[in-house]
C-alpha atoms as a PDB file:
ATOM      1  CA  MET A   1      -0.014  -0.064  -0.203  1.00  0.00           C
ATOM      2  CA  ASN A   2       2.580   2.567   1.015  1.00  0.00           C
ATOM      3  CA  ASN A   3       5.528   2.772  -1.442  1.00  0.00           C
ATOM      4  CA  LEU A   4       7.386   4.541   1.230  1.00  0.00           C
ATOM      5  CA  MET A   5       7.916   1.494   3.765  1.00  0.00           C
ATOM      6  CA  ILE A   6       7.862   3.726   6.971  1.00  0.00           C
ATOM      7  CA  SER A   7       7.826   1.104  10.046  1.00  0.00           C
ATOM      8  CA  ARG A   8       4.754   2.140  12.422  1.00  0.00           C
ATOM      9  CA  ARG A   9       7.399   3.773  14.665  1.00  0.00           C
ATOM     10  CA  LYS A  10       8.316   6.249  12.092  1.00  0.00           C
ATOM     11  CA  PHE A  11       4.748   6.777  11.354  1.00  0.00           C
ATOM     12  CA  LEU A  12       4.007   7.770  14.794  1.00  0.00           C
ATOM     13  CA  GLN A  13       7.006   9.921  15.020  1.00  0.00           C
ATOM     14  CA  THR A  14       5.520  11.419  12.068  1.00  0.00           C
ATOM     15  CA  ALA A  15       2.276  12.010  13.218  1.00  0.00           C
ATOM     16  CA  SER A  16       3.949  13.655  16.266  1.00  0.00           C
ATOM     17  CA  MET A  17       5.633  15.944  14.143  1.00  0.00           C
ATOM     18  CA  VAL A  18       2.687  16.987  12.126  1.00  0.00           C
ATOM     19  CA  ALA A  19       0.686  17.626  15.417  1.00  0.00           C
ATOM     20  CA  ALA A  20       3.633  19.602  16.921  1.00  0.00           C
ATOM     21  CA  ALA A  21       3.968  21.542  13.659  1.00  0.00           C
ATOM     22  CA  VAL A  22       0.148  22.392  13.351  1.00  0.00           C
ATOM     23  CA  SER A  23       0.128  23.559  16.915  1.00  0.00           C
ATOM     24  CA  VAL A  24       3.038  25.974  16.183  1.00  0.00           C
ATOM     25  CA  LEU A  25       1.829  27.503  12.937  1.00  0.00           C
ATOM     26  CA  PRO A  26       0.293  30.594  14.184  1.00  0.00           C
ATOM     27  CA  GLY A  27       3.604  31.880  15.778  1.00  0.00           C
ATOM     28  CA  LEU A  28       5.794  30.918  12.842  1.00  0.00           C
ATOM     29  CA  SER A  29       5.981  34.207  11.356  1.00  0.00           C
ATOM     30  CA  ALA A  30       8.368  35.058  13.811  1.00  0.00           C
ATOM     31  CA  VAL A  31      10.608  32.132  13.138  1.00  0.00           C
ATOM     32  CA  ALA A  32      10.105  31.469   9.379  1.00  0.00           C
ATOM     33  CA  GLY A  33      13.247  30.176   7.709  1.00  0.00           C
ATOM     34  CA  VAL A  34      14.581  30.757   4.205  1.00  0.00           C
ATOM     35  CA  LEU A  35      12.641  28.580   1.760  1.00  0.00           C
ATOM     36  CA  THR A  36      15.505  25.789   0.347  1.00  0.00           C
ATOM     37  CA  GLU A  37      14.972  23.525  -2.257  1.00  0.00           C
ATOM     38  CA  GLU A  38      15.363  20.832   0.541  1.00  0.00           C
ATOM     39  CA  SER A  39      12.091  22.507   2.311  1.00  0.00           C
ATOM     40  CA  LYS A  40      10.275  22.983  -0.686  1.00  0.00           C
ATOM     41  CA  MET A  41       6.991  21.002  -1.334  1.00  0.00           C
ATOM     42  CA  THR A  42       7.480  18.220  -3.938  1.00  0.00           C
ATOM     43  CA  GLU A  43       4.882  17.551  -6.829  1.00  0.00           C
ATOM     44  CA  LEU A  44       2.940  15.024  -4.668  1.00  0.00           C
ATOM     45  CA  GLU A  45       2.822  17.145  -1.414  1.00  0.00           C
ATOM     46  CA  ARG A  46       1.528  20.062  -3.632  1.00  0.00           C
ATOM     47  CA  SER A  47      -1.016  17.953  -5.239  1.00  0.00           C
ATOM     48  CA  VAL A  48      -2.217  16.653  -1.750  1.00  0.00           C
ATOM     49  CA  PHE A  49      -2.348  20.313  -0.248  1.00  0.00           C
ATOM     50  CA  GLU A  50      -4.354  21.354  -3.148  1.00  0.00           C
ATOM     51  CA  LYS A  51      -7.070  18.558  -3.015  1.00  0.00           C
ATOM     52  CA  LEU A  52      -7.256  19.229   0.953  1.00  0.00           C
ATOM     53  CA  LEU A  53      -7.641  22.850   0.361  1.00  0.00           C
ATOM     54  CA  LYS A  54     -10.275  22.097  -2.334  1.00  0.00           C
ATOM     55  CA  ILE A  55     -12.763  19.897  -0.116  1.00  0.00           C
ATOM     56  CA  SER A  56     -11.984  21.869   3.293  1.00  0.00           C
ATOM     57  CA  LEU A  57     -12.841  25.011   1.799  1.00  0.00           C
ATOM     58  CA  PRO A  58     -15.712  24.957  -0.005  1.00  0.00           C
ATOM     59  CA  THR A  59     -16.398  28.462  -0.751  1.00  0.00           C
ATOM     60  CA  SER A  60     -18.927  28.469  -3.962  1.00  0.00           C
ATOM     61  CA  GLY A  61     -22.200  30.336  -3.235  1.00  0.00           C
ATOM     62  CA  THR A  62     -20.818  31.936   0.096  1.00  0.00           C
ATOM     63  CA  ALA A  63     -19.047  35.234   0.625  1.00  0.00           C
ATOM     64  CA  LEU A  64     -15.663  33.823   1.645  1.00  0.00           C
ATOM     65  CA  VAL A  65     -12.778  34.186  -0.633  1.00  0.00           C
ATOM     66  CA  ASP A  66     -12.344  31.382  -2.928  1.00  0.00           C
ATOM     67  CA  PRO A  67      -8.790  29.965  -2.234  1.00  0.00           C
ATOM     68  CA  ALA A  68      -8.212  29.212  -5.673  1.00  0.00           C
ATOM     69  CA  THR A  69      -7.479  32.822  -6.102  1.00  0.00           C
ATOM     70  CA  LEU A  70      -5.099  33.309  -3.130  1.00  0.00           C
ATOM     71  CA  PRO A  71      -1.600  32.232  -2.929  1.00  0.00           C
ATOM     72  CA  VAL A  72      -2.472  29.388   0.097  1.00  0.00           C
ATOM     73  CA  LEU A  73       0.272  26.885  -0.587  1.00  0.00           C
ATOM     74  CA  PRO A  74       2.880  29.658  -1.148  1.00  0.00           C
ATOM     75  CA  THR A  75       1.681  30.795   2.245  1.00  0.00           C
ATOM     76  CA  LEU A  76       1.975  27.078   3.795  1.00  0.00           C
ATOM     77  CA  GLU A  77       5.319  26.813   2.199  1.00  0.00           C
ATOM     78  CA  GLY A  78       7.020  29.970   3.607  1.00  0.00           C
ATOM     79  CA  ALA A  79       5.455  29.965   6.495  1.00  0.00           C
ATOM     80  CA  LEU A  80       5.558  26.767   7.470  1.00  0.00           C
ATOM     81  CA  LEU A  81       8.016  24.324   5.688  1.00  0.00           C
ATOM     82  CA  ALA A  82      10.987  26.984   5.364  1.00  0.00           C
ATOM     83  CA  GLY A  83      11.278  27.349   9.196  1.00  0.00           C
ATOM     84  CA  MET A  84      11.129  23.526   9.966  1.00  0.00           C
ATOM     85  CA  ALA A  85      14.412  21.251  10.965  1.00  0.00           C
ATOM     86  CA  PRO A  86      15.071  19.249   8.240  1.00  0.00           C
ATOM     87  CA  HIS A  87      14.468  15.855  10.326  1.00  0.00           C
ATOM     88  CA  ILE A  88      10.966  17.205  10.781  1.00  0.00           C
ATOM     89  CA  ARG A  89      10.768  18.200   7.306  1.00  0.00           C
ATOM     90  CA  GLN A  90      11.352  15.011   6.182  1.00  0.00           C
ATOM     91  CA  GLY A  91       9.091  13.328   8.756  1.00  0.00           C
ATOM     92  CA  LEU A  92       6.251  15.681   7.343  1.00  0.00           C
ATOM     93  CA  ARG A  93       7.294  14.604   3.765  1.00  0.00           C
ATOM     94  CA  GLY A  94       6.793  10.880   4.569  1.00  0.00           C
ATOM     95  CA  GLY A  95       3.224  11.473   6.337  1.00  0.00           C
ATOM     96  CA  ILE A  96       1.886  13.138   3.668  1.00  0.00           C
ATOM     97  CA  GLY A  97       2.961  10.324   1.400  1.00  0.00           C
ATOM     98  CA  PHE A  98       1.656   8.023   3.938  1.00  0.00           C
ATOM     99  CA  PHE A  99      -1.600   9.886   4.013  1.00  0.00           C
ATOM    100  CA  ASN A 100      -1.971  10.150   0.156  1.00  0.00           C
ATOM    101  CA  ASP A 101      -1.238   6.278  -0.377  1.00  0.00           C
ATOM    102  CA  GLY A 102      -3.819   5.738   3.027  1.00  0.00           C
ATOM    103  CA  ALA A 103      -6.664   5.850   0.541  1.00  0.00           C
ATOM    104  CA  ALA A 104      -5.998   3.370  -2.071  1.00  0.00           C
ATOM    105  CA  GLN A 105      -6.972   0.482   0.488  1.00  0.00           C
ATOM    106  CA  ALA A 106     -10.686   1.502   1.061  1.00  0.00           C
ATOM    107  CA  PHE A 107     -10.925   3.886  -2.147  1.00  0.00           C
ATOM    108  CA  GLY A 108      -8.757   1.972  -4.743  1.00  0.00           C
ATOM    109  CA  ALA A 109      -6.750   5.162  -5.380  1.00  0.00           C
ATOM    110  CA  ALA A 110      -4.459   7.479  -4.169  1.00  0.00           C
ATOM    111  CA  PHE A 111      -6.271  10.221  -2.173  1.00  0.00           C
ATOM    112  CA  ILE A 112      -5.077  13.061  -5.074  1.00  0.00           C
ATOM    113  CA  ASP A 113      -6.665  10.755  -7.655  1.00  0.00           C
ATOM    114  CA  LEU A 114     -10.108  10.749  -5.616  1.00  0.00           C
ATOM    115  CA  SER A 115     -13.157  12.394  -6.461  1.00  0.00           C
ATOM    116  CA  ASP A 116     -13.784  15.216  -4.135  1.00  0.00           C
ATOM    117  CA  GLU A 117     -16.723  13.182  -2.620  1.00  0.00           C
ATOM    118  CA  ASP A 118     -14.195  10.684  -2.118  1.00  0.00           C
ATOM    119  CA  ALA A 119     -11.612  12.323  -0.395  1.00  0.00           C
ATOM    120  CA  SER A 120     -13.727  14.079   1.512  1.00  0.00           C
ATOM    121  CA  ARG A 121     -14.914  10.631   3.249  1.00  0.00           C
ATOM    122  CA  PHE A 122     -11.338   9.598   3.289  1.00  0.00           C
ATOM    123  CA  VAL A 123     -10.309  12.646   5.416  1.00  0.00           C
ATOM    124  CA  ASP A 124     -13.550  12.116   7.632  1.00  0.00           C
ATOM    125  CA  ARG A 125     -12.824   8.349   8.164  1.00  0.00           C
ATOM    126  CA  TRP A 126      -9.400   8.949   8.994  1.00  0.00           C
ATOM    127  CA  THR A 127     -10.341  12.155  11.359  1.00  0.00           C
ATOM    128  CA  ASP A 128     -12.583  10.055  13.171  1.00  0.00           C
ATOM    129  CA  SER A 129      -9.921   6.726  13.164  1.00  0.00           C
ATOM    130  CA  ASP A 130      -9.668   4.832  16.103  1.00  0.00           C
ATOM    131  CA  SER A 131      -5.787   4.887  15.123  1.00  0.00           C
ATOM    132  CA  VAL A 132      -4.370   7.707  16.497  1.00  0.00           C
ATOM    133  CA  PRO A 133      -1.524   8.053  13.992  1.00  0.00           C
ATOM    134  CA  GLU A 134      -4.350   8.398  11.439  1.00  0.00           C
ATOM    135  CA  ARG A 135      -6.262  10.952  13.348  1.00  0.00           C
ATOM    136  CA  ALA A 136      -3.269  12.932  14.021  1.00  0.00           C
ATOM    137  CA  LEU A 137      -2.209  12.828  10.003  1.00  0.00           C
ATOM    138  CA  ALA A 138      -5.674  13.655   8.714  1.00  0.00           C
ATOM    139  CA  MET A 139      -6.491  16.331  11.097  1.00  0.00           C
ATOM    140  CA  GLY A 140      -3.024  18.177  11.000  1.00  0.00           C
ATOM    141  CA  LEU A 141      -2.777  17.898   7.396  1.00  0.00           C
ATOM    142  CA  LYS A 142      -6.437  19.665   7.180  1.00  0.00           C
ATOM    143  CA  LYS A 143      -5.229  22.399   9.940  1.00  0.00           C
ATOM    144  CA  LEU A 144      -2.114  23.132   8.179  1.00  0.00           C
ATOM    145  CA  THR A 145      -4.320  23.818   4.867  1.00  0.00           C
ATOM    146  CA  VAL A 146      -7.114  25.839   6.515  1.00  0.00           C
ATOM    147  CA  LEU A 147      -4.528  27.952   8.728  1.00  0.00           C
ATOM    148  CA  ALA A 148      -2.726  28.938   5.423  1.00  0.00           C
ATOM    149  CA  TYR A 149      -5.739  30.026   4.252  1.00  0.00           C
ATOM    150  CA  TRP A 150      -7.142  32.438   7.117  1.00  0.00           C
ATOM    151  CA  ALA A 151      -3.137  33.328   7.579  1.00  0.00           C
ATOM    152  CA  ILE A 152      -3.996  35.715   4.205  1.00  0.00           C
ATOM    153  CA  PRO A 153      -5.427  39.025   5.342  1.00  0.00           C
ATOM    154  CA  THR A 154      -7.910  39.213   2.420  1.00  0.00           C
ATOM    155  CA  THR A 155      -9.717  36.075   3.663  1.00  0.00           C
ATOM    156  CA  TRP A 156     -10.606  38.314   6.896  1.00  0.00           C
ATOM    157  CA  GLY A 157     -13.166  41.025   4.909  1.00  0.00           C
ATOM    158  CA  PRO A 158     -15.966  38.692   5.242  1.00  0.00           C
ATOM    159  CA  LEU A 159     -15.904  37.866   8.454  1.00  0.00           C
ATOM    160  CA  GLY A 160     -15.686  41.516   9.504  1.00  0.00           C
ATOM    161  CA  TYR A 161     -12.641  41.302  11.005  1.00  0.00           C
ATOM    162  CA  ASP A 162     -10.078  44.037   9.888  1.00  0.00           C
ATOM    163  CA  GLY A 163      -6.974  42.847  11.453  1.00  0.00           C
ATOM    164  CA  PRO A 164      -5.118  42.969  14.936  1.00  0.00           C
ATOM    165  CA  VAL A 165      -5.931  45.813  16.808  1.00  0.00           C
ATOM    166  CA  SER A 166      -2.439  46.115  17.935  1.00  0.00           C
ATOM    167  CA  ASP A 167      -1.784  47.095  14.272  1.00  0.00           C
ATOM    168  CA  LYS A 168      -4.573  49.195  14.209  1.00  0.00           C
ATOM    169  CA  TRP A 169      -3.986  51.284  17.030  1.00  0.00           C
ATOM    170  CA  GLN A 170      -0.153  51.173  16.285  1.00  0.00           C
ATOM    171  CA  LEU A 171       0.733  49.521  19.782  1.00  0.00           C
ATOM    172  CA  PRO A 172       4.205  48.687  20.091  1.00  0.00           C
ATOM    173  CA  SER A 173       5.409  45.223  20.554  1.00  0.00           C
ATOM    174  CA  LEU A 174       6.791  44.495  23.714  1.00  0.00           C
ATOM    175  CA  GLY A 175       7.708  41.123  23.164  1.00  0.00           C
ATOM    176  CA  ASN A 176       6.936  37.854  25.076  1.00  0.00           C
ATOM    177  CA  SER A 177       6.630  38.059  28.479  1.00  0.00           C
ATOM    178  CA  PRO A 178       8.532  36.034  31.035  1.00  0.00           C
ATOM    179  CA  GLU A 179       6.607  33.221  32.633  1.00  0.00           C
ATOM    180  CA  PRO A 180       5.461  33.750  36.345  1.00  0.00           C
ATOM    181  CA  GLN A 181       7.657  32.887  38.931  1.00  0.00           C
ATOM    182  CA  ALA A 182       6.286  30.645  41.495  1.00  0.00           C
END
């Protein structure tokens, strides 16, 4: 099923890294690195994220901005992938491959080759799975995709959100506050 042939242990590590990456995405703008050839998305990764974007953000018939008109994938690539440590980036790459190949058993094709309806059912199946790695990958990849969309300021207008008040009120950044001492 998986041409990457990753072990259960490696798969669990990958799922954990995806979950950790998702949890730090909002703060990554301050630590985003330089996009290198090694951290750029492969064609497979780009195809997986494009399919996830299409099924996760159906904006047709709504006031929301069509994700196809926005630089969502470059935002994801520049804000997250560029700042990842190489071993985490490789783990994520393996996880994306495993996720893509995971659809073949139940749906007869790789995730990127599924219809939008089957792709949605596959993601829902893995999101609701009793298997923690499957659940972590499905939820993590979907969250990365959706967070990259909402990170683009032009998506905020239909929500009535006009940006952080610290920018609007021109409040100077005071940096990070130290943790309270007990």
